[in-house]
Amino acid sequence: MEITYSQFDRALFASAREKRVPISGTFELTSRCNLDCAMCYIRKGPNDQAAIREELSAAQWLEIARQARDEGLLYLLLTGGEVFLRPDFFEILDGLSALGLKLTINSNATMITGDVAKRLAEYPVAQIAVTIYGASPETYGRISGNPSGFDRTVNGIRILMENGIRVRLRTTIVRQNYADLEAMFQLADDIGVGMRLNAGVYGCRDGVDNDPFGVRLTPEEQLQCENYYMVRRLKKAGFEVPEPKPPETPEFEDIMSGEIAENGSHKEPQESIFKCAASHFMFSVSPKGRLCACLLMDEPSVNLLPDVKFKRAWEDLKALSDKLPHCQECRTCKHTKYCKHCPARLLGETGCLTKKAPYLCEKAELIATGKYLTLGSNH
């Protein structure tokens, strides 16, 4: 029987989840970025010497990757910060490619030149996910403090595509670019690429001193953006737009966002607060070399340095993750199936895993009214 590549991926992830094999990982190669976005949870200056000194060497990243590959790693995302700030980026990419990993890269595309794109085209990179922050230089100026970032990003995207590299766009909607929502999707259409929406922001990590929550939308504005995205996506695919209704299951947001959702054949252990992939078959490694359960959380984590022993660290991380406490209020809330009360969001919102987050509660209550087509809708 023939199956699609997507079906193969899902079967592979389901097996990895059951056996808790670390098949999917993220390497945060740097916390530095050449933009200064108001809502970013991890961004230090491009020339931050302290951050540079803390970054792992290319050899260290490749040793972690080699050992992780031996334990099952197949899918690897390279992100930052901005990965192209690293002068040894292609040394890292060369070594990772030799390991046979399926690679994806996150970037703002402002540092993409013809020479960079030609070098990238030599490697088996599955996709470059480019974040855009607005549809004009003015909006880029408000978001990142760099108006020229808009033209540089659009130019970088076009150069990547001209070199045969698959590109997908994504955007985070905050107050400074809220008015550009439709224009950004139209820009993606004009360029000829797809785009994903993220209407949420996350609390800062690892010494970043900006204020993401100070620029985010209200819960109702978030839902309006999600509703727009859903309607636009359905119409573009040729589907009839259904009437809004409360979601029947909590997993659809994961499906829409490209994550792996439970298919009903496997139930997480009662002690695990992670209902997503984190610590079950997915991990991240911080710029300082700490193995983390989730890209958005500094803890739980296990230090991989100075002598990398990935297998032992993965076992320790799973044990630490399984001991994290639940938020009992969230578990018993009547709106719990509408709420994205993941550990990372609770920690970012409240600084604690066991406290409910009023912002998320308000959004869940609005979803429960059934007035919106949202990323959590079961359509």
Protein backbone atom coordinates (compact mmCIF):
# COMPACT_ATOMS: atom_id res chain seq x y z
CA MET A 1 0.00 0.00 0.00
CA GLU A 2 1.35 3.41 -0.96
CA ILE A 3 1.39 6.18 1.60
CA THR A 4 2.13 9.89 1.31
CA TYR A 5 5.21 11.50 2.75
CA SER A 6 2.98 13.23 5.31
CA GLN A 7 1.50 9.91 6.37
CA PHE A 8 4.98 8.44 6.69
CA ASP A 9 6.04 11.37 8.89
CA ARG A 10 3.02 10.93 11.13
CA ALA A 11 3.62 7.22 11.54
CA LEU A 12 7.26 7.88 12.34
CA PHE A 13 6.38 10.50 14.95
CA ALA A 14 3.73 8.25 16.49
CA SER A 15 6.29 5.49 16.92
CA ALA A 16 8.87 7.92 18.32
CA ARG A 17 6.30 9.27 20.80
CA GLU A 18 5.47 5.80 22.06
CA LYS A 19 9.12 4.87 22.51
CA ARG A 20 10.25 8.38 23.54
CA VAL A 21 12.93 8.53 20.89
CA PRO A 22 14.39 12.05 20.31
CA ILE A 23 13.60 12.12 16.62
CA SER A 24 13.09 15.90 16.33
CA GLY A 25 15.34 18.65 17.65
CA THR A 26 16.10 22.36 17.54
CA PHE A 27 19.55 23.91 17.78
CA GLU A 28 19.54 27.55 18.90
CA LEU A 29 22.89 28.40 17.37
CA THR A 30 22.94 31.93 18.76
CA SER A 31 20.88 34.30 20.89
CA ARG A 32 22.14 37.26 18.85
CA CYS A 33 20.14 39.01 16.15
CA ASN A 34 20.67 41.92 13.77
CA LEU A 35 17.10 43.13 14.39
CA ASP A 36 15.67 44.41 17.67
CA CYS A 37 12.06 43.25 17.58
CA ALA A 38 9.83 44.43 20.40
CA MET A 39 8.08 41.08 20.93
CA CYS A 40 11.05 38.71 20.60
CA TYR A 41 11.76 36.39 23.52
CA ILE A 42 15.39 35.68 22.58
CA ARG A 43 17.45 38.39 20.94
CA LYS A 44 20.71 39.99 21.97
CA GLY A 45 22.79 42.48 20.03
CA PRO A 46 24.70 41.20 16.98
CA ASN A 47 28.04 42.13 18.55
CA ASP A 48 27.24 41.12 22.14
CA GLN A 49 30.63 39.80 23.22
CA ALA A 50 29.33 37.97 26.29
CA ALA A 51 26.81 36.12 24.11
CA ILE A 52 29.51 35.29 21.56
CA ARG A 53 31.78 33.83 24.25
CA GLU A 54 28.97 31.62 25.55
CA GLU A 55 28.08 30.16 22.14
CA LEU A 56 29.11 26.62 21.36
CA SER A 57 31.77 26.06 18.73
CA ALA A 58 30.98 24.38 15.43
CA ALA A 59 32.77 21.25 16.67
CA GLN A 60 30.61 21.13 19.80
CA TRP A 61 27.38 21.51 17.82
CA LEU A 62 28.42 18.74 15.48
CA GLU A 63 29.31 16.39 18.34
CA ILE A 64 25.90 16.97 19.94
CA ALA A 65 24.26 16.32 16.57
CA ARG A 66 26.26 13.15 15.99
CA GLN A 67 25.31 11.69 19.36
CA ALA A 68 21.68 12.79 19.00
CA ARG A 69 21.55 11.21 15.54
CA ASP A 70 22.79 7.96 17.04
CA GLU A 71 19.84 8.10 19.49
CA GLY A 72 17.30 8.67 16.71
CA LEU A 73 17.48 12.34 15.66
CA LEU A 74 16.29 12.83 12.08
CA TYR A 75 14.56 16.22 11.87
CA LEU A 76 16.59 19.26 12.95
CA LEU A 77 15.69 22.95 13.00
CA LEU A 78 18.47 25.55 13.09
CA THR A 79 17.40 28.81 14.66
CA GLY A 80 18.48 31.75 16.78
CA GLY A 81 18.60 34.72 17.11
CA GLU A 82 19.74 35.04 13.52
CA VAL A 83 21.79 32.01 12.45
CA PHE A 84 23.59 33.82 9.62
CA LEU A 85 25.36 36.03 12.15
CA ARG A 86 27.62 33.06 12.87
CA PRO A 87 30.71 33.20 10.63
CA ASP A 88 30.99 29.40 10.96
CA PHE A 89 27.38 28.72 9.95
CA PHE A 90 28.31 26.86 6.78
CA GLU A 91 30.86 24.76 8.65
CA ILE A 92 28.02 23.68 10.94
CA LEU A 93 25.64 23.14 8.01
CA ASP A 94 28.23 21.07 6.17
CA GLY A 95 28.74 18.75 9.13
CA LEU A 96 25.02 18.38 9.83
CA SER A 97 24.31 17.55 6.21
CA ALA A 98 26.94 14.82 6.29
CA LEU A 99 25.02 13.22 9.17
CA GLY A 100 22.00 12.69 6.94
CA LEU A 101 19.63 14.92 8.93
CA LYS A 102 16.55 16.59 7.44
CA LEU A 103 17.30 20.27 8.03
CA THR A 104 15.12 23.36 8.31
CA ILE A 105 16.41 26.88 8.96
CA ASN A 106 14.70 29.85 10.61
CA SER A 107 15.89 33.28 9.48
CA ASN A 108 14.77 36.87 9.00
CA ALA A 109 16.42 36.74 5.52
CA THR A 110 18.03 40.17 5.89
CA MET A 111 21.52 38.69 5.52
CA ILE A 112 20.76 36.59 2.45
CA THR A 113 22.89 37.51 -0.54
CA GLY A 114 23.36 35.80 -3.88
CA ASP A 115 26.52 34.09 -2.63
CA VAL A 116 24.81 32.89 0.56
CA ALA A 117 21.85 31.50 -1.39
CA LYS A 118 24.10 29.71 -3.88
CA ARG A 119 25.93 28.02 -1.00
CA LEU A 120 22.66 27.07 0.69
CA ALA A 121 21.43 25.50 -2.56
CA GLU A 122 24.29 23.00 -2.34
CA TYR A 123 22.82 21.45 0.82
CA PRO A 124 19.72 19.29 1.41
CA VAL A 125 17.84 21.98 3.34
CA ALA A 126 14.15 21.09 3.36
CA GLN A 127 12.94 24.62 3.93
CA ILE A 128 13.89 28.07 5.12
CA ALA A 129 11.20 29.62 7.29
CA VAL A 130 11.42 33.39 7.02
CA THR A 131 9.76 35.62 9.57
CA ILE A 132 8.34 38.88 8.25
CA TYR A 133 7.34 41.69 10.57
CA GLY A 134 5.26 43.96 8.36
CA ALA A 135 4.40 44.98 4.83
CA SER A 136 6.36 48.26 4.68
CA PRO A 137 9.60 49.88 5.84
CA GLU A 138 7.56 51.99 8.25
CA THR A 139 6.18 48.93 10.03
CA TYR A 140 9.62 47.30 10.14
CA GLY A 141 10.89 50.47 11.76
CA ARG A 142 8.23 50.29 14.47
CA ILE A 143 8.78 46.57 15.09
CA SER A 144 12.54 46.11 14.78
CA GLY A 145 13.99 49.59 14.81
CA ASN A 146 15.33 48.97 11.28
CA PRO A 147 13.17 50.30 8.39
CA SER A 148 15.62 48.88 5.82
CA GLY A 149 14.83 45.41 7.14
CA PHE A 150 11.70 45.22 4.99
CA ASP A 151 13.44 45.62 1.63
CA ARG A 152 16.31 43.40 2.75
CA THR A 153 13.89 40.66 3.83
CA VAL A 154 11.86 40.74 0.61
CA ASN A 155 15.04 40.78 -1.45
CA GLY A 156 16.44 37.86 0.55
CA ILE A 157 13.27 35.83 -0.01
CA ARG A 158 13.40 36.40 -3.75
CA ILE A 159 17.08 35.46 -3.92
CA LEU A 160 16.41 32.21 -2.04
CA MET A 161 13.59 31.30 -4.39
CA GLU A 162 15.66 32.17 -7.47
CA ASN A 163 18.19 29.62 -6.25
CA GLY A 164 15.57 26.89 -5.93
CA ILE A 165 15.33 26.97 -2.14
CA ARG A 166 11.90 26.30 -0.65
CA VAL A 167 10.70 29.23 1.43
CA ARG A 168 7.77 29.56 3.80
CA LEU A 169 6.84 32.77 5.58
CA ARG A 170 5.55 33.26 9.08
CA THR A 171 4.58 36.30 11.06
CA THR A 172 3.78 37.32 14.60
CA ILE A 173 1.01 39.87 14.96
CA VAL A 174 1.40 42.57 17.61
CA ARG A 175 0.17 46.13 18.00
CA GLN A 176 2.84 47.62 15.75
CA ASN A 177 1.91 45.48 12.71
CA TYR A 178 -1.75 44.70 13.41
CA ALA A 179 -2.87 47.01 10.58
CA ASP A 180 -0.57 45.18 8.12
CA LEU A 181 -2.17 41.76 8.57
CA GLU A 182 -3.95 41.59 5.23
CA ALA A 183 -1.10 43.32 3.40
CA MET A 184 1.41 40.75 4.68
CA PHE A 185 -0.68 37.86 3.40
CA GLN A 186 -1.09 39.65 0.09
CA LEU A 187 2.68 40.10 -0.04
CA ALA A 188 3.11 36.35 0.47
CA ASP A 189 0.64 35.70 -2.37
CA ASP A 190 2.49 38.13 -4.65
CA ILE A 191 5.82 36.45 -3.93
CA GLY A 192 4.25 33.02 -4.36
CA VAL A 193 4.83 31.45 -0.97
CA GLY A 194 2.66 30.29 1.91
CA MET A 195 2.55 32.02 5.27
CA ARG A 196 1.65 30.95 8.78
CA LEU A 197 0.18 33.19 11.44
CA ASN A 198 1.23 33.44 15.06
CA ALA A 199 -1.00 35.83 16.97
CA GLY A 200 0.61 35.02 20.33
CA VAL A 201 3.83 36.14 22.00
CA TYR A 202 5.94 34.49 24.69
CA GLY A 203 7.69 35.65 27.81
CA CYS A 204 11.40 36.54 27.59
CA ARG A 205 14.15 34.03 28.18
CA ASP A 206 17.76 34.11 29.30
CA GLY A 207 18.35 37.75 30.17
CA VAL A 208 16.41 39.42 27.33
CA ASP A 209 15.01 42.65 28.74
CA ASN A 210 12.28 43.68 26.30
CA ASP A 211 8.54 43.48 27.03
CA PRO A 212 6.67 41.15 24.62
CA PHE A 213 3.46 41.28 26.65
CA GLY A 214 3.47 45.06 26.46
CA VAL A 215 2.98 44.98 22.68
CA ARG A 216 0.69 42.00 22.24
CA LEU A 217 -2.92 42.04 21.16
CA THR A 218 -5.90 41.55 23.42
CA PRO A 219 -7.34 38.02 23.47
CA GLU A 220 -10.23 39.19 21.27
CA GLU A 221 -7.89 40.83 18.76
CA GLN A 222 -5.88 37.61 18.63
CA LEU A 223 -9.01 35.65 17.82
CA GLN A 224 -9.99 38.12 15.13
CA CYS A 225 -6.58 37.59 13.50
CA GLU A 226 -6.92 33.82 13.75
CA ASN A 227 -10.41 34.01 12.30
CA TYR A 228 -9.10 36.04 9.35
CA TYR A 229 -6.29 33.52 8.82
CA MET A 230 -8.60 30.52 8.91
CA VAL A 231 -11.14 32.03 6.53
CA ARG A 232 -8.44 33.11 4.11
CA ARG A 233 -6.74 29.74 4.20
CA LEU A 234 -9.96 27.81 3.62
CA LYS A 235 -11.02 30.04 0.73
CA LYS A 236 -7.61 29.82 -0.90
CA ALA A 237 -7.78 26.02 -0.71
CA GLY A 238 -11.21 26.05 -2.31
CA PHE A 239 -13.17 24.94 0.74
CA GLU A 240 -16.45 26.31 1.93
CA VAL A 241 -16.05 28.42 5.05
CA PRO A 242 -18.05 26.77 7.88
CA GLU A 243 -19.98 28.58 10.54
CA PRO A 244 -17.89 29.24 13.64
CA LYS A 245 -18.41 26.85 16.52
CA PRO A 246 -16.53 25.82 19.65
CA PRO A 247 -13.76 23.29 18.90
CA GLU A 248 -14.58 19.69 19.72
CA THR A 249 -11.02 18.67 20.55
CA PRO A 250 -7.97 20.57 21.84
CA GLU A 251 -5.56 19.16 19.27
CA PHE A 252 -6.49 21.05 16.09
CA GLU A 253 -4.22 24.00 16.85
CA ASP A 254 -1.27 21.62 16.75
CA ILE A 255 -2.39 20.23 13.39
CA MET A 256 -2.81 23.69 11.86
CA SER A 257 0.56 24.87 13.16
CA GLY A 258 2.42 21.92 11.70
CA GLU A 259 2.98 20.15 15.00
CA ILE A 260 2.13 16.54 15.66
CA ALA A 261 -1.20 16.01 17.43
CA GLU A 262 -2.32 12.91 19.27
CA ASN A 263 -4.36 10.56 17.10
CA GLY A 264 -6.22 8.91 19.94
CA SER A 265 -4.20 5.71 19.88
CA HIS A 266 -1.76 6.84 22.54
CA LYS A 267 -2.37 8.49 25.88
CA GLU A 268 0.34 10.44 27.68
CA PRO A 269 1.44 9.26 31.12
CA GLN A 270 -0.61 10.96 33.83
CA GLU A 271 2.50 12.53 35.37
CA SER A 272 3.55 14.40 32.23
CA ILE A 273 2.45 18.02 31.87
CA PHE A 274 3.66 18.07 28.26
CA LYS A 275 0.84 17.09 25.92
CA CYS A 276 2.84 18.22 22.91
CA ALA A 277 6.05 16.67 21.61
CA ALA A 278 8.36 18.25 24.20
CA SER A 279 10.42 15.67 26.11
CA HIS A 280 8.50 12.86 24.39
CA PHE A 281 10.25 12.94 21.02
CA MET A 282 11.33 16.56 20.67
CA PHE A 283 14.05 18.62 22.34
CA SER A 284 16.01 21.84 21.93
CA VAL A 285 19.57 22.83 22.71
CA SER A 286 20.21 26.37 23.92
CA PRO A 287 23.07 28.58 22.70
CA LYS A 288 24.89 27.74 25.95
CA GLY A 289 24.64 24.00 25.38
CA ARG A 290 21.76 23.04 27.65
CA LEU A 291 19.41 20.28 26.53
CA CYS A 292 15.87 21.58 27.07
CA ALA A 293 12.44 19.99 26.86
CA CYS A 294 10.95 22.99 25.08
CA LEU A 295 12.35 25.77 22.92
CA LEU A 296 10.33 28.31 24.92
CA MET A 297 11.49 27.21 28.39
CA ASP A 298 14.92 27.45 30.01
CA GLU A 299 13.93 24.67 32.41
CA PRO A 300 13.82 21.73 32.72
CA SER A 301 17.24 21.36 31.20
CA VAL A 302 20.42 19.31 31.43
CA ASN A 303 23.91 20.64 30.74
CA LEU A 304 25.60 18.93 27.78
CA LEU A 305 29.00 20.47 28.48
CA PRO A 306 31.90 20.02 28.80
CA ASP A 307 31.81 16.38 27.69
CA VAL A 308 28.75 15.67 25.58
CA LYS A 309 26.83 12.59 26.68
CA PHE A 310 23.55 13.05 24.86
CA LYS A 311 22.04 9.66 25.67
CA ARG A 312 22.37 10.16 29.41
CA ALA A 313 21.22 13.78 29.18
CA TRP A 314 18.08 12.76 27.26
CA GLU A 315 17.18 10.19 29.90
CA ASP A 316 17.72 12.77 32.65
CA LEU A 317 15.62 15.34 30.78
CA LYS A 318 12.70 12.94 30.40
CA ALA A 319 12.81 12.18 34.11
CA LEU A 320 12.89 15.87 35.05
CA SER A 321 10.04 16.66 32.66
CA ASP A 322 7.83 13.93 34.06
CA LYS A 323 8.18 15.38 37.56
CA LEU A 324 6.93 18.87 36.70
CA PRO A 325 3.71 19.80 38.54
CA HIS A 326 0.34 20.31 36.90
CA CYS A 327 -1.80 23.41 37.19
CA GLN A 328 -4.81 21.90 38.92
CA GLU A 329 -7.03 24.90 38.14
CA CYS A 330 -6.36 24.41 34.44
CA ARG A 331 -7.04 20.69 34.57
CA THR A 332 -10.45 21.16 36.17
CA CYS A 333 -11.53 24.31 34.30
CA LYS A 334 -14.72 23.96 32.23
CA HIS A 335 -12.94 25.65 29.31
CA THR A 336 -9.79 23.54 29.46
CA LYS A 337 -10.31 21.94 26.03
CA TYR A 338 -10.39 25.39 24.42
CA CYS A 339 -7.27 26.62 26.17
CA LYS A 340 -3.62 26.38 25.13
CA HIS A 341 -2.44 26.06 28.74
CA CYS A 342 0.89 24.48 27.83
CA PRO A 343 3.70 24.68 30.40
CA ALA A 344 5.68 27.20 28.36
CA ARG A 345 2.73 29.56 28.10
CA LEU A 346 1.85 29.27 31.79
CA LEU A 347 5.45 29.83 32.81
CA GLY A 348 5.79 32.81 30.50
CA GLU A 349 2.51 34.34 31.66
CA THR A 350 2.76 33.78 35.41
CA GLY A 351 6.33 32.72 36.16
CA CYS A 352 4.87 29.51 37.56
CA LEU A 353 3.64 26.17 36.20
CA THR A 354 0.84 25.79 38.71
CA LYS A 355 -0.98 29.12 38.33
CA LYS A 356 -3.65 29.80 35.76
CA ALA A 357 -3.02 32.69 33.35
CA PRO A 358 -5.85 35.25 33.16
CA TYR A 359 -4.93 36.20 29.59
CA LEU A 360 -5.25 32.59 28.41
CA CYS A 361 -8.43 32.15 30.44
CA GLU A 362 -10.03 35.14 28.72
CA LYS A 363 -9.13 33.77 25.30
CA ALA A 364 -10.54 30.33 26.17
CA GLU A 365 -13.80 31.89 27.34
CA LEU A 366 -14.10 33.77 24.04
CA ILE A 367 -13.42 30.61 22.03
CA ALA A 368 -16.10 28.80 24.02
CA THR A 369 -18.71 31.27 22.75
CA GLY A 370 -18.33 29.72 19.30
CA LYS A 371 -18.12 33.10 17.56
CA TYR A 372 -14.74 32.59 15.94
CA LEU A 373 -13.02 30.30 13.48
CA THR A 374 -9.75 29.91 15.33
CA LEU A 375 -6.53 27.92 15.27
CA GLY A 376 -8.24 25.78 17.89
CA SER A 377 -11.39 25.08 15.88
CA ASN A 378 -12.28 21.56 14.80
CA HIS A 379 -13.10 22.32 11.15
